[in-house]
Amino acid sequence: MYANKMHMSKAAVYKQLISEYGEKFTEDAAKYAIENVKVDWKENALYKADMYANKMHMSKAAVRPHPLFYFTISFIFLQSP
């Protein structure tokens, strides 16, 4: 639901799954779910960017994530178990 209906990113779905305020899954279970869910993450990103730009009237610079965002996501998904 988070990915397909709400167009959330991998990182946002992961955070929702492990959050104490969200689903409270283990990190391993959340990683397994992210790796096996059938979703087009690029399509989700385009949908969100379009929504921010056209419905919320945000600039391209405001829509583009901060460089630290990429480092954080890489760290979460590329670290060894």
PDB file of N, CA and C in Angstrom:
ATOM      1  N   MET A   1       0.811  -1.193   0.000  1.00  0.00           N
ATOM      2  CA  MET A   1       0.000   0.000   0.000  1.00  0.00           C
ATOM      3  C   MET A   1       0.862   1.268   0.000  1.00  0.00           C
ATOM      4  N   TYR A   2       1.876   1.302   0.854  1.00  0.00           N
ATOM      5  CA  TYR A   2       2.703   2.511   0.930  1.00  0.00           C
ATOM      6  C   TYR A   2       3.347   2.825  -0.408  1.00  0.00           C
ATOM      7  N   ALA A   3       3.855   1.801  -1.078  1.00  0.00           N
ATOM      8  CA  ALA A   3       4.549   2.021  -2.335  1.00  0.00           C
ATOM      9  C   ALA A   3       3.582   2.229  -3.489  1.00  0.00           C
ATOM     10  N   ASN A   4       2.555   1.404  -3.584  1.00  0.00           N
ATOM     11  CA  ASN A   4       1.680   1.442  -4.749  1.00  0.00           C
ATOM     12  C   ASN A   4       0.564   2.476  -4.678  1.00  0.00           C
ATOM     13  N   LYS A   5       0.025   2.740  -3.532  1.00  0.00           N
ATOM     14  CA  LYS A   5      -1.084   3.704  -3.409  1.00  0.00           C
ATOM     15  C   LYS A   5      -0.613   5.097  -2.997  1.00  0.00           C
ATOM     16  N   MET A   6       0.417   5.133  -2.159  1.00  0.00           N
ATOM     17  CA  MET A   6       0.896   6.418  -1.653  1.00  0.00           C
ATOM     18  C   MET A   6       2.141   6.898  -2.392  1.00  0.00           C
ATOM     19  N   HIS A   7       2.653   6.083  -3.305  1.00  0.00           N
ATOM     20  CA  HIS A   7       3.820   6.430  -4.133  1.00  0.00           C
ATOM     21  C   HIS A   7       5.027   6.807  -3.293  1.00  0.00           C
ATOM     22  N   MET A   8       5.235   6.091  -2.198  1.00  0.00           N
ATOM     23  CA  MET A   8       6.365   6.358  -1.324  1.00  0.00           C
ATOM     24  C   MET A   8       7.643   5.775  -1.920  1.00  0.00           C
ATOM     25  N   SER A   9       8.763   6.370  -1.562  1.00  0.00           N
ATOM     26  CA  SER A   9      10.070   5.890  -2.002  1.00  0.00           C
ATOM     27  C   SER A   9      10.464   4.647  -1.201  1.00  0.00           C
ATOM     28  N   LYS A  10      11.522   3.978  -1.667  1.00  0.00           N
ATOM     29  CA  LYS A  10      12.067   2.835  -0.928  1.00  0.00           C
ATOM     30  C   LYS A  10      12.403   3.236   0.502  1.00  0.00           C
ATOM     31  N   ALA A  11      13.090   4.357   0.615  1.00  0.00           N
ATOM     32  CA  ALA A  11      13.528   4.816   1.941  1.00  0.00           C
ATOM     33  C   ALA A  11      12.337   5.121   2.843  1.00  0.00           C
ATOM     34  N   ALA A  12      11.315   5.766   2.287  1.00  0.00           N
ATOM     35  CA  ALA A  12      10.144   6.114   3.094  1.00  0.00           C
ATOM     36  C   ALA A  12       9.380   4.863   3.530  1.00  0.00           C
ATOM     37  N   VAL A  13       9.257   3.892   2.627  1.00  0.00           N
ATOM     38  CA  VAL A  13       8.576   2.643   2.981  1.00  0.00           C
ATOM     39  C   VAL A  13       9.371   1.921   4.062  1.00  0.00           C
ATOM     40  N   TYR A  14      10.682   1.855   3.880  1.00  0.00           N
ATOM     41  CA  TYR A  14      11.547   1.201   4.874  1.00  0.00           C
ATOM     42  C   TYR A  14      11.375   1.849   6.250  1.00  0.00           C
ATOM     43  N   LYS A  15      11.442   3.177   6.287  1.00  0.00           N
ATOM     44  CA  LYS A  15      11.304   3.886   7.562  1.00  0.00           C
ATOM     45  C   LYS A  15       9.943   3.634   8.191  1.00  0.00           C
ATOM     46  N   GLN A  16       8.900   3.588   7.362  1.00  0.00           N
ATOM     47  CA  GLN A  16       7.558   3.319   7.879  1.00  0.00           C
ATOM     48  C   GLN A  16       7.474   1.911   8.459  1.00  0.00           C
ATOM     49  N   LEU A  17       8.100   0.953   7.798  1.00  0.00           N
ATOM     50  CA  LEU A  17       8.033  -0.428   8.252  1.00  0.00           C
ATOM     51  C   LEU A  17       8.757  -0.647   9.584  1.00  0.00           C
ATOM     52  N   ILE A  18       9.874   0.051   9.802  1.00  0.00           N
ATOM     53  CA  ILE A  18      10.644  -0.168  11.031  1.00  0.00           C
ATOM     54  C   ILE A  18      10.305   0.817  12.152  1.00  0.00           C
ATOM     55  N   SER A  19       9.547   1.839  11.847  1.00  0.00           N
ATOM     56  CA  SER A  19       9.257   2.883  12.823  1.00  0.00           C
ATOM     57  C   SER A  19       8.475   2.358  14.024  1.00  0.00           C
ATOM     58  N   GLU A  20       8.832   2.885  15.198  1.00  0.00           N
ATOM     59  CA  GLU A  20       8.073   2.545  16.401  1.00  0.00           C
ATOM     60  C   GLU A  20       6.672   3.139  16.332  1.00  0.00           C
ATOM     61  N   TYR A  21       6.483   4.141  15.480  1.00  0.00           N
ATOM     62  CA  TYR A  21       5.169   4.757  15.298  1.00  0.00           C
ATOM     63  C   TYR A  21       4.448   4.189  14.078  1.00  0.00           C
ATOM     64  N   GLY A  22       5.148   3.342  13.323  1.00  0.00           N
ATOM     65  CA  GLY A  22       4.584   2.734  12.126  1.00  0.00           C
ATOM     66  C   GLY A  22       4.266   1.276  12.350  1.00  0.00           C
ATOM     67  N   GLU A  23       4.873   0.425  11.537  1.00  0.00           N
ATOM     68  CA  GLU A  23       4.549  -1.001  11.552  1.00  0.00           C
ATOM     69  C   GLU A  23       5.367  -1.825  12.548  1.00  0.00           C
ATOM     70  N   LYS A  24       6.517  -1.291  12.996  1.00  0.00           N
ATOM     71  CA  LYS A  24       7.372  -1.939  13.998  1.00  0.00           C
ATOM     72  C   LYS A  24       7.953  -3.291  13.549  1.00  0.00           C
ATOM     73  N   PHE A  25       8.245  -3.422  12.253  1.00  0.00           N
ATOM     74  CA  PHE A  25       8.909  -4.631  11.764  1.00  0.00           C
ATOM     75  C   PHE A  25      10.395  -4.565  12.110  1.00  0.00           C
ATOM     76  N   THR A  26      11.051  -5.718  12.116  1.00  0.00           N
ATOM     77  CA  THR A  26      12.500  -5.737  12.295  1.00  0.00           C
ATOM     78  C   THR A  26      13.148  -5.179  11.038  1.00  0.00           C
ATOM     79  N   GLU A  27      14.411  -4.757  11.152  1.00  0.00           N
ATOM     80  CA  GLU A  27      15.132  -4.251   9.987  1.00  0.00           C
ATOM     81  C   GLU A  27      15.254  -5.320   8.914  1.00  0.00           C
ATOM     82  N   ASP A  28      15.521  -6.571   9.325  1.00  0.00           N
ATOM     83  CA  ASP A  28      15.630  -7.660   8.353  1.00  0.00           C
ATOM     84  C   ASP A  28      14.324  -7.887   7.614  1.00  0.00           C
ATOM     85  N   ALA A  29      13.215  -7.858   8.317  1.00  0.00           N
ATOM     86  CA  ALA A  29      11.908  -8.055   7.680  1.00  0.00           C
ATOM     87  C   ALA A  29      11.595  -6.908   6.720  1.00  0.00           C
ATOM     88  N   ALA A  30      11.930  -5.694   7.127  1.00  0.00           N
ATOM     89  CA  ALA A  30      11.685  -4.536   6.265  1.00  0.00           C
ATOM     90  C   ALA A  30      12.547  -4.600   5.006  1.00  0.00           C
ATOM     91  N   LYS A  31      13.813  -4.978   5.160  1.00  0.00           N
ATOM     92  CA  LYS A  31      14.693  -5.115   3.983  1.00  0.00           C
ATOM     93  C   LYS A  31      14.178  -6.196   3.046  1.00  0.00           C
ATOM     94  N   TYR A  32      13.714  -7.302   3.599  1.00  0.00           N
ATOM     95  CA  TYR A  32      13.154  -8.380   2.784  1.00  0.00           C
ATOM     96  C   TYR A  32      11.935  -7.870   2.005  1.00  0.00           C
ATOM     97  N   ALA A  33      11.073  -7.135   2.678  1.00  0.00           N
ATOM     98  CA  ALA A  33       9.870  -6.604   2.027  1.00  0.00           C
ATOM     99  C   ALA A  33      10.249  -5.653   0.889  1.00  0.00           C
ATOM    100  N   ILE A  34      11.188  -4.758   1.138  1.00  0.00           N
ATOM    101  CA  ILE A  34      11.620  -3.795   0.119  1.00  0.00           C
ATOM    102  C   ILE A  34      12.205  -4.522  -1.092  1.00  0.00           C
ATOM    103  N   GLU A  35      12.993  -5.548  -0.846  1.00  0.00           N
ATOM    104  CA  GLU A  35      13.632  -6.289  -1.933  1.00  0.00           C
ATOM    105  C   GLU A  35      12.641  -7.119  -2.747  1.00  0.00           C
ATOM    106  N   ASN A  36      11.488  -7.462  -2.161  1.00  0.00           N
ATOM    107  CA  ASN A  36      10.561  -8.378  -2.828  1.00  0.00           C
ATOM    108  C   ASN A  36       9.227  -7.766  -3.250  1.00  0.00           C
ATOM    109  N   VAL A  37       8.978  -6.536  -2.909  1.00  0.00           N
ATOM    110  CA  VAL A  37       7.723  -5.899  -3.315  1.00  0.00           C
ATOM    111  C   VAL A  37       7.783  -5.586  -4.812  1.00  0.00           C
ATOM    112  N   LYS A  38       6.656  -5.710  -5.480  1.00  0.00           N
ATOM    113  CA  LYS A  38       6.575  -5.418  -6.919  1.00  0.00           C
ATOM    114  C   LYS A  38       6.134  -3.969  -7.084  1.00  0.00           C
ATOM    115  N   VAL A  39       7.112  -3.104  -7.322  1.00  0.00           N
ATOM    116  CA  VAL A  39       6.807  -1.679  -7.485  1.00  0.00           C
ATOM    117  C   VAL A  39       7.869  -1.043  -8.375  1.00  0.00           C
ATOM    118  N   ASP A  40       7.463  -0.052  -9.129  1.00  0.00           N
ATOM    119  CA  ASP A  40       8.389   0.706  -9.967  1.00  0.00           C
ATOM    120  C   ASP A  40       8.797   1.955  -9.185  1.00  0.00           C
ATOM    121  N   TRP A  41       9.954   1.875  -8.528  1.00  0.00           N
ATOM    122  CA  TRP A  41      10.405   2.969  -7.663  1.00  0.00           C
ATOM    123  C   TRP A  41      10.642   4.253  -8.450  1.00  0.00           C
ATOM    124  N   LYS A  42      11.124   4.123  -9.685  1.00  0.00           N
ATOM    125  CA  LYS A  42      11.354   5.318 -10.513  1.00  0.00           C
ATOM    126  C   LYS A  42      10.028   5.998 -10.850  1.00  0.00           C
ATOM    127  N   GLU A  43       9.009   5.200 -11.137  1.00  0.00           N
ATOM    128  CA  GLU A  43       7.684   5.764 -11.424  1.00  0.00           C
ATOM    129  C   GLU A  43       7.139   6.494 -10.196  1.00  0.00           C
ATOM    130  N   ASN A  44       7.354   5.930  -9.020  1.00  0.00           N
ATOM    131  CA  ASN A  44       6.924   6.594  -7.790  1.00  0.00           C
ATOM    132  C   ASN A  44       7.623   7.943  -7.623  1.00  0.00           C
ATOM    133  N   ALA A  45       8.924   7.963  -7.896  1.00  0.00           N
ATOM    134  CA  ALA A  45       9.681   9.208  -7.765  1.00  0.00           C
ATOM    135  C   ALA A  45       9.170  10.264  -8.744  1.00  0.00           C
ATOM    136  N   LEU A  46       8.893   9.849  -9.976  1.00  0.00           N
ATOM    137  CA  LEU A  46       8.369  10.793 -10.964  1.00  0.00           C
ATOM    138  C   LEU A  46       6.992  11.314 -10.551  1.00  0.00           C
ATOM    139  N   TYR A  47       6.155  10.427 -10.043  1.00  0.00           N
ATOM    140  CA  TYR A  47       4.823  10.830  -9.598  1.00  0.00           C
ATOM    141  C   TYR A  47       4.923  11.876  -8.482  1.00  0.00           C
ATOM    142  N   LYS A  48       5.768  11.604  -7.499  1.00  0.00           N
ATOM    143  CA  LYS A  48       5.932  12.528  -6.374  1.00  0.00           C
ATOM    144  C   LYS A  48       6.513  13.865  -6.837  1.00  0.00           C
ATOM    145  N   ALA A  49       7.530  13.809  -7.698  1.00  0.00           N
ATOM    146  CA  ALA A  49       8.148  15.044  -8.195  1.00  0.00           C
ATOM    147  C   ALA A  49       7.128  15.875  -8.963  1.00  0.00           C
ATOM    148  N   ASP A  50       6.308  15.214  -9.784  1.00  0.00           N
ATOM    149  CA  ASP A  50       5.279  15.917 -10.537  1.00  0.00           C
ATOM    150  C   ASP A  50       4.259  16.546  -9.589  1.00  0.00           C
ATOM    151  N   MET A  51       3.870  15.806  -8.556  1.00  0.00           N
ATOM    152  CA  MET A  51       2.911  16.332  -7.590  1.00  0.00           C
ATOM    153  C   MET A  51       3.481  17.557  -6.867  1.00  0.00           C
ATOM    154  N   TYR A  52       4.726  17.444  -6.417  1.00  0.00           N
ATOM    155  CA  TYR A  52       5.343  18.575  -5.720  1.00  0.00           C
ATOM    156  C   TYR A  52       5.460  19.793  -6.634  1.00  0.00           C
ATOM    157  N   ALA A  53       5.892  19.560  -7.880  1.00  0.00           N
ATOM    158  CA  ALA A  53       6.109  20.669  -8.800  1.00  0.00           C
ATOM    159  C   ALA A  53       4.799  21.304  -9.266  1.00  0.00           C
ATOM    160  N   ASN A  54       3.811  20.489  -9.602  1.00  0.00           N
ATOM    161  CA  ASN A  54       2.596  21.027 -10.217  1.00  0.00           C
ATOM    162  C   ASN A  54       1.442  21.292  -9.254  1.00  0.00           C
ATOM    163  N   LYS A  55       1.322  20.510  -8.221  1.00  0.00           N
ATOM    164  CA  LYS A  55       0.211  20.720  -7.291  1.00  0.00           C
ATOM    165  C   LYS A  55       0.619  21.569  -6.091  1.00  0.00           C
ATOM    166  N   MET A  56       1.887  21.469  -5.721  1.00  0.00           N
ATOM    167  CA  MET A  56       2.357  22.239  -4.574  1.00  0.00           C
ATOM    168  C   MET A  56       3.209  23.429  -5.014  1.00  0.00           C
ATOM    169  N   HIS A  57       3.408  23.553  -6.320  1.00  0.00           N
ATOM    170  CA  HIS A  57       4.123  24.683  -6.923  1.00  0.00           C
ATOM    171  C   HIS A  57       5.531  24.869  -6.355  1.00  0.00           C
ATOM    172  N   MET A  58       6.224  23.747  -6.163  1.00  0.00           N
ATOM    173  CA  MET A  58       7.600  23.806  -5.672  1.00  0.00           C
ATOM    174  C   MET A  58       8.554  23.923  -6.860  1.00  0.00           C
ATOM    175  N   SER A  59       9.678  24.576  -6.652  1.00  0.00           N
ATOM    176  CA  SER A  59      10.687  24.702  -7.702  1.00  0.00           C
ATOM    177  C   SER A  59      11.436  23.384  -7.871  1.00  0.00           C
ATOM    178  N   LYS A  60      12.174  23.266  -8.980  1.00  0.00           N
ATOM    179  CA  LYS A  60      12.986  22.062  -9.202  1.00  0.00           C
ATOM    180  C   LYS A  60      13.996  21.883  -8.073  1.00  0.00           C
ATOM    181  N   ALA A  61      14.593  22.978  -7.628  1.00  0.00           N
ATOM    182  CA  ALA A  61      15.583  22.903  -6.545  1.00  0.00           C
ATOM    183  C   ALA A  61      14.939  22.415  -5.251  1.00  0.00           C
ATOM    184  N   ALA A  62      13.718  22.815  -4.995  1.00  0.00           N
ATOM    185  CA  ALA A  62      13.040  22.398  -3.773  1.00  0.00           C
ATOM    186  C   ALA A  62      12.620  20.937  -3.831  1.00  0.00           C
ATOM    187  N   VAL A  63      12.293  20.457  -5.025  1.00  0.00           N
ATOM    188  CA  VAL A  63      11.881  19.068  -5.195  1.00  0.00           C
ATOM    189  C   VAL A  63      13.067  18.124  -5.070  1.00  0.00           C
ATOM    190  N   ARG A  64      14.220  18.538  -5.568  1.00  0.00           N
ATOM    191  CA  ARG A  64      15.422  17.704  -5.556  1.00  0.00           C
ATOM    192  C   ARG A  64      15.913  17.531  -4.124  1.00  0.00           C
ATOM    193  N   PRO A  65      16.153  16.264  -3.701  1.00  0.00           N
ATOM    194  CA  PRO A  65      16.614  16.046  -2.322  1.00  0.00           C
ATOM    195  C   PRO A  65      18.029  16.564  -2.076  1.00  0.00           C
ATOM    196  N   HIS A  66      18.308  16.818  -0.843  1.00  0.00           N
ATOM    197  CA  HIS A  66      19.625  17.270  -0.400  1.00  0.00           C
ATOM    198  C   HIS A  66      20.646  16.157  -0.656  1.00  0.00           C
ATOM    199  N   PRO A  67      21.898  16.483  -1.020  1.00  0.00           N
ATOM    200  CA  PRO A  67      22.923  15.454  -1.269  1.00  0.00           C
ATOM    201  C   PRO A  67      23.117  14.476  -0.112  1.00  0.00           C
ATOM    202  N   LEU A  68      22.935  14.918   1.112  1.00  0.00           N
ATOM    203  CA  LEU A  68      23.071  14.032   2.267  1.00  0.00           C
ATOM    204  C   LEU A  68      22.032  12.916   2.220  1.00  0.00           C
ATOM    205  N   PHE A  69      20.876  13.185   1.600  1.00  0.00           N
ATOM    206  CA  PHE A  69      19.825  12.180   1.450  1.00  0.00           C
ATOM    207  C   PHE A  69      20.378  10.954   0.724  1.00  0.00           C
ATOM    208  N   TYR A  70      21.123  11.155  -0.356  1.00  0.00           N
ATOM    209  CA  TYR A  70      21.664  10.034  -1.119  1.00  0.00           C
ATOM    210  C   TYR A  70      22.658   9.223  -0.296  1.00  0.00           C
ATOM    211  N   PHE A  71      23.478   9.904   0.493  1.00  0.00           N
ATOM    212  CA  PHE A  71      24.435   9.207   1.342  1.00  0.00           C
ATOM    213  C   PHE A  71      23.698   8.346   2.367  1.00  0.00           C
ATOM    214  N   THR A  72      22.676   8.903   2.976  1.00  0.00           N
ATOM    215  CA  THR A  72      21.918   8.180   4.003  1.00  0.00           C
ATOM    216  C   THR A  72      21.249   6.953   3.421  1.00  0.00           C
ATOM    217  N   ILE A  73      20.620   7.084   2.276  1.00  0.00           N
ATOM    218  CA  ILE A  73      19.933   5.962   1.643  1.00  0.00           C
ATOM    219  C   ILE A  73      20.945   4.895   1.236  1.00  0.00           C
ATOM    220  N   SER A  74      22.065   5.307   0.682  1.00  0.00           N
ATOM    221  CA  SER A  74      23.100   4.348   0.309  1.00  0.00           C
ATOM    222  C   SER A  74      23.593   3.586   1.526  1.00  0.00           C
ATOM    223  N   PHE A  75      23.783   4.287   2.623  1.00  0.00           N
ATOM    224  CA  PHE A  75      24.250   3.645   3.847  1.00  0.00           C
ATOM    225  C   PHE A  75      23.251   2.595   4.337  1.00  0.00           C
ATOM    226  N   ILE A  76      21.978   2.941   4.328  1.00  0.00           N
ATOM    227  CA  ILE A  76      20.939   2.027   4.812  1.00  0.00           C
ATOM    228  C   ILE A  76      20.869   0.756   3.959  1.00  0.00           C
ATOM    229  N   PHE A  77      20.848   0.924   2.641  1.00  0.00           N
ATOM    230  CA  PHE A  77      20.598  -0.207   1.764  1.00  0.00           C
ATOM    231  C   PHE A  77      21.831  -0.955   1.299  1.00  0.00           C
ATOM    232  N   LEU A  78      23.016  -0.375   1.484  1.00  0.00           N
ATOM    233  CA  LEU A  78      24.206  -1.052   0.977  1.00  0.00           C
ATOM    234  C   LEU A  78      25.102  -1.611   2.065  1.00  0.00           C
ATOM    235  N   GLN A  79      24.736  -1.426   3.323  1.00  0.00           N
ATOM    236  CA  GLN A  79      25.592  -1.970   4.372  1.00  0.00           C
ATOM    237  C   GLN A  79      25.437  -3.485   4.437  1.00  0.00           C
ATOM    238  N   SER A  80      26.499  -4.115   4.798  1.00  0.00           N
ATOM    239  CA  SER A  80      26.497  -5.589   4.878  1.00  0.00           C
ATOM    240  C   SER A  80      25.754  -6.052   6.121  1.00  0.00           C
ATOM    241  N   PRO A  81      25.044  -7.182   6.019  1.00  0.00           N
ATOM    242  CA  PRO A  81      24.332  -7.705   7.201  1.00  0.00           C
ATOM    243  C   PRO A  81      25.272  -8.244   8.247  1.00  0.00           C
TER     244      PRO A  81
END
